[in-house]
Amino acid sequence: MRRHSSAAGRCEGVFWRRTNRQEVRTILLAAKRYELAQRQPGERSGPLGSVAIEVLELFANLVDFRTGRLDPAIDTLMSKLRRSRDAIVRALKNLRAHGFLDWLRRYVPTGNEGRGPQVQQTSNAYRLSLPARAKQFLGRFGMTPPPPDDHVQAEAERQAETEAHRASLPLDELALFDVGDNPLGQALARLARSMKQRESAKQTESPSSSIKDRKT
């Protein structure tokens, strides 16, 4: 099982968010224009790559607008796009690095009996997003009307759920949730675990040693 994975069915509530066809089309258009604008002279592709655009187009057709659910397996992406696993994984990483995509690693129970947790890796939960540095390439297309009242209410409720979820996380998981599963987030998570271990060690110090310290 991959590190920093969460239980499927329990982690997506504050990660996925409702979307619509217009929002998804805007993200896709921004990615295409960003890819062209950032392509260096003499290069065949830009920072995302053609496969990343293909993946994003497929995601635009797979995402559930009502819930934001988006969790195709790598094998599904390989089959539908007829691309190698390496090409798909590289495309996903490029999309995430440039802010068009984020994901949560997940696991599910195997149903097997035995000592310890019986779980196995399952598909990631993905979320599309529009990075600020790409929005500039949209021009007038990126100007959207104010959202309706029910959308504002839904966003407020989602924000409250997110804050409640954050408050329930230990410090190491909070670092990964806020910063992401990247080198900085992992470093902050290790620091949080180290602080927690030191605090735990202080709390479990034997009473006799504490009394001895006070006498000396």
Protein backbone atom coordinates (compact mmCIF):
# COMPACT_ATOMS: atom_id res chain seq x y z
CA MET A 1 0.00 0.00 0.00
CA ARG A 2 1.30 3.48 -0.91
CA ARG A 3 2.23 5.88 1.88
CA HIS A 4 -0.21 8.59 2.94
CA SER A 5 -3.23 6.68 1.64
CA SER A 6 -6.70 7.21 3.08
CA ALA A 7 -9.66 4.88 3.39
CA ALA A 8 -11.88 5.02 0.31
CA GLY A 9 -15.36 6.26 1.13
CA ARG A 10 -14.18 8.28 4.13
CA CYS A 11 -11.76 10.84 2.69
CA GLU A 12 -13.52 12.21 -0.39
CA GLY A 13 -16.31 14.22 1.26
CA VAL A 14 -14.23 17.37 1.71
CA PHE A 15 -12.03 16.72 -1.33
CA TRP A 16 -14.51 16.36 -4.17
CA ARG A 17 -16.71 19.34 -4.88
CA ARG A 18 -19.70 19.96 -7.08
CA THR A 19 -18.86 21.36 -10.52
CA ASN A 20 -20.54 21.97 -13.86
CA ARG A 21 -19.84 21.63 -17.56
CA GLN A 22 -18.84 25.29 -17.93
CA GLU A 23 -16.28 25.12 -15.12
CA VAL A 24 -14.75 21.93 -16.50
CA ARG A 25 -14.60 23.36 -20.02
CA THR A 26 -12.88 26.46 -18.64
CA ILE A 27 -10.19 24.36 -16.94
CA LEU A 28 -9.62 22.37 -20.13
CA LEU A 29 -9.39 25.49 -22.29
CA ALA A 30 -6.99 27.12 -19.83
CA ALA A 31 -4.78 24.02 -19.90
CA LYS A 32 -4.66 23.99 -23.70
CA ARG A 33 -3.77 27.69 -23.90
CA TYR A 34 -1.26 27.35 -21.08
CA GLU A 35 0.40 24.46 -22.93
CA LEU A 36 0.77 26.56 -26.10
CA ALA A 37 1.83 29.75 -24.35
CA GLN A 38 4.51 28.05 -22.24
CA ARG A 39 6.01 25.96 -25.02
CA GLN A 40 9.63 26.90 -25.61
CA PRO A 41 10.91 27.66 -29.13
CA GLY A 42 12.01 24.47 -30.87
CA GLU A 43 10.12 22.22 -28.45
CA ARG A 44 7.36 19.91 -29.68
CA SER A 45 5.26 20.31 -26.55
CA GLY A 46 4.84 22.56 -23.56
CA PRO A 47 5.17 21.87 -19.82
CA LEU A 48 2.09 19.63 -19.69
CA GLY A 49 2.55 17.51 -22.80
CA SER A 50 0.00 16.20 -25.29
CA VAL A 51 -0.87 13.14 -23.19
CA ALA A 52 -1.73 15.38 -20.23
CA ILE A 53 -4.21 17.27 -22.42
CA GLU A 54 -5.72 13.93 -23.49
CA VAL A 55 -6.05 12.87 -19.84
CA LEU A 56 -7.69 16.18 -18.94
CA GLU A 57 -10.16 15.85 -21.83
CA LEU A 58 -11.06 12.36 -20.64
CA PHE A 59 -11.48 13.56 -17.06
CA ALA A 60 -13.81 16.29 -18.34
CA ASN A 61 -16.07 13.53 -19.69
CA LEU A 62 -15.78 11.25 -16.65
CA VAL A 63 -16.31 13.70 -13.77
CA ASP A 64 -19.68 13.59 -12.02
CA PHE A 65 -20.84 17.23 -12.05
CA ARG A 66 -23.25 16.75 -9.15
CA THR A 67 -20.73 15.33 -6.70
CA GLY A 68 -17.34 15.99 -8.30
CA ARG A 69 -16.55 12.29 -8.14
CA LEU A 70 -13.61 11.40 -10.36
CA ASP A 71 -11.69 8.21 -9.62
CA PRO A 72 -10.76 6.21 -12.74
CA ALA A 73 -8.04 3.58 -12.37
CA ILE A 74 -4.75 3.92 -14.23
CA ASP A 75 -5.67 0.84 -16.25
CA THR A 76 -8.90 2.56 -17.33
CA LEU A 77 -6.96 5.61 -18.53
CA MET A 78 -4.49 3.38 -20.38
CA SER A 79 -7.30 1.49 -22.08
CA LYS A 80 -9.34 4.52 -23.15
CA LEU A 81 -6.38 6.62 -24.31
CA ARG A 82 -4.26 3.73 -25.62
CA ARG A 83 -1.21 5.09 -23.82
CA SER A 84 1.43 3.33 -21.74
CA ARG A 85 1.38 3.37 -17.95
CA ASP A 86 4.53 5.50 -17.87
CA ALA A 87 2.96 8.06 -20.22
CA ILE A 88 -0.22 8.26 -18.11
CA VAL A 89 1.66 8.58 -14.82
CA ARG A 90 3.93 11.26 -16.27
CA ALA A 91 0.92 13.17 -17.60
CA LEU A 92 -0.82 13.04 -14.19
CA LYS A 93 2.30 14.33 -12.46
CA ASN A 94 2.61 17.20 -14.94
CA LEU A 95 -1.02 18.20 -14.43
CA ARG A 96 -0.55 18.16 -10.68
CA ALA A 97 2.75 20.04 -10.76
CA HIS A 98 1.16 22.88 -12.76
CA GLY A 99 -1.99 23.08 -10.65
CA PHE A 100 -4.63 21.57 -12.95
CA LEU A 101 -5.11 18.40 -10.91
CA ASP A 102 -4.81 17.06 -7.39
CA TRP A 103 -5.49 13.63 -5.94
CA LEU A 104 -5.82 11.54 -2.81
CA ARG A 105 -4.35 8.06 -2.58
CA ARG A 106 -6.88 5.55 -1.27
CA TYR A 107 -7.12 1.99 0.01
CA VAL A 108 -9.94 -0.52 0.49
CA PRO A 109 -10.33 -3.63 2.68
CA THR A 110 -9.38 -6.91 1.00
CA GLY A 111 -11.88 -9.00 2.94
CA ASN A 112 -9.10 -11.43 3.86
CA GLU A 113 -8.60 -12.67 7.38
CA GLY A 114 -5.30 -12.40 9.19
CA ARG A 115 -3.23 -10.35 11.58
CA GLY A 116 -2.97 -6.62 10.99
CA PRO A 117 -4.99 -4.47 8.62
CA GLN A 118 -6.02 -6.36 5.48
CA VAL A 119 -6.16 -3.59 2.87
CA GLN A 120 -5.05 -2.94 -0.68
CA GLN A 121 -4.46 0.10 -2.87
CA THR A 122 -7.33 1.32 -5.03
CA SER A 123 -7.72 4.12 -7.56
CA ASN A 124 -6.93 7.70 -6.60
CA ALA A 125 -9.62 10.31 -6.03
CA TYR A 126 -8.93 13.16 -8.47
CA ARG A 127 -10.01 16.81 -8.44
CA LEU A 128 -9.71 19.29 -11.30
CA SER A 129 -8.69 22.88 -10.60
CA LEU A 130 -7.84 26.11 -12.41
CA PRO A 131 -4.45 27.55 -11.38
CA ALA A 132 -4.19 31.34 -11.20
CA ARG A 133 -1.18 31.39 -13.54
CA ALA A 134 -3.27 29.74 -16.28
CA LYS A 135 -6.37 31.88 -15.81
CA GLN A 136 -4.63 34.84 -17.46
CA PHE A 137 -4.69 32.98 -20.78
CA LEU A 138 -8.50 32.78 -20.82
CA GLY A 139 -9.17 36.43 -21.59
CA ARG A 140 -12.89 37.32 -21.63
CA PHE A 141 -13.78 33.62 -21.57
CA GLY A 142 -12.55 33.46 -17.98
CA MET A 143 -15.01 36.12 -16.80
CA THR A 144 -17.95 34.36 -15.19
CA PRO A 145 -21.18 35.79 -13.73
CA PRO A 146 -21.72 35.74 -9.96
CA PRO A 147 -22.87 32.35 -8.66
CA PRO A 148 -26.51 31.82 -7.62
CA ASP A 149 -27.46 31.92 -3.95
CA ASP A 150 -27.73 28.14 -3.64
CA HIS A 151 -24.18 27.80 -4.98
CA VAL A 152 -22.92 30.31 -2.39
CA GLN A 153 -24.69 28.35 0.35
CA ALA A 154 -23.21 25.06 -0.90
CA GLU A 155 -19.73 26.59 -0.94
CA ALA A 156 -20.18 27.87 2.63
CA GLU A 157 -21.29 24.42 3.79
CA ARG A 158 -18.38 22.78 1.99
CA GLN A 159 -15.96 25.23 3.63
CA ALA A 160 -17.42 24.44 7.05
CA GLU A 161 -17.06 20.70 6.40
CA THR A 162 -13.48 21.22 5.30
CA GLU A 163 -12.62 23.15 8.46
CA ALA A 164 -14.27 20.50 10.63
CA HIS A 165 -12.28 17.80 8.85
CA ARG A 166 -9.03 19.76 9.28
CA ALA A 167 -9.71 20.16 12.98
CA SER A 168 -10.05 16.39 13.36
CA LEU A 169 -6.70 15.57 11.73
CA PRO A 170 -3.48 14.92 13.67
CA LEU A 171 -0.65 17.34 12.87
CA ASP A 172 1.18 15.04 10.43
CA GLU A 173 -1.97 14.36 8.37
CA LEU A 174 -2.91 18.05 8.58
CA ALA A 175 0.40 19.00 6.97
CA LEU A 176 -0.25 16.64 4.06
CA PHE A 177 -3.85 17.87 3.70
CA ASP A 178 -2.86 21.56 3.62
CA VAL A 179 0.40 21.40 1.69
CA GLY A 180 -0.13 18.22 -0.35
CA ASP A 181 1.72 14.93 -0.72
CA ASN A 182 4.92 16.56 -1.93
CA PRO A 183 8.44 16.96 -0.49
CA LEU A 184 7.45 19.98 1.62
CA GLY A 185 4.30 18.32 2.93
CA GLN A 186 6.18 15.11 3.77
CA ALA A 187 8.92 17.08 5.57
CA LEU A 188 6.32 18.92 7.68
CA ALA A 189 4.55 15.62 8.41
CA ARG A 190 7.82 14.06 9.63
CA LEU A 191 8.45 17.10 11.85
CA ALA A 192 4.94 16.82 13.30
CA ARG A 193 5.40 13.10 14.02
CA SER A 194 8.75 13.81 15.69
CA MET A 195 7.17 16.47 17.92
CA LYS A 196 4.34 14.10 18.79
CA GLN A 197 6.79 11.34 19.74
CA ARG A 198 8.79 13.70 21.98
CA GLU A 199 5.61 14.88 23.69
CA SER A 200 4.49 11.28 24.18
CA ALA A 201 7.84 10.39 25.69
CA LYS A 202 7.52 13.23 28.21
CA GLN A 203 4.03 12.13 29.22
CA THR A 204 5.09 8.52 29.79
CA GLU A 205 8.11 9.43 31.92
CA SER A 206 8.01 7.33 35.10
CA PRO A 207 6.80 9.06 38.31
CA SER A 208 9.86 7.79 40.24
CA SER A 209 12.24 9.55 37.91
CA SER A 210 10.21 12.77 38.24
CA ILE A 211 10.37 12.55 42.06
CA LYS A 212 14.08 11.85 41.89
CA ASP A 213 14.61 14.88 39.68
CA ARG A 214 12.74 17.13 42.13
CA LYS A 215 14.82 15.87 45.07
CA THR A 216 18.08 16.58 43.29
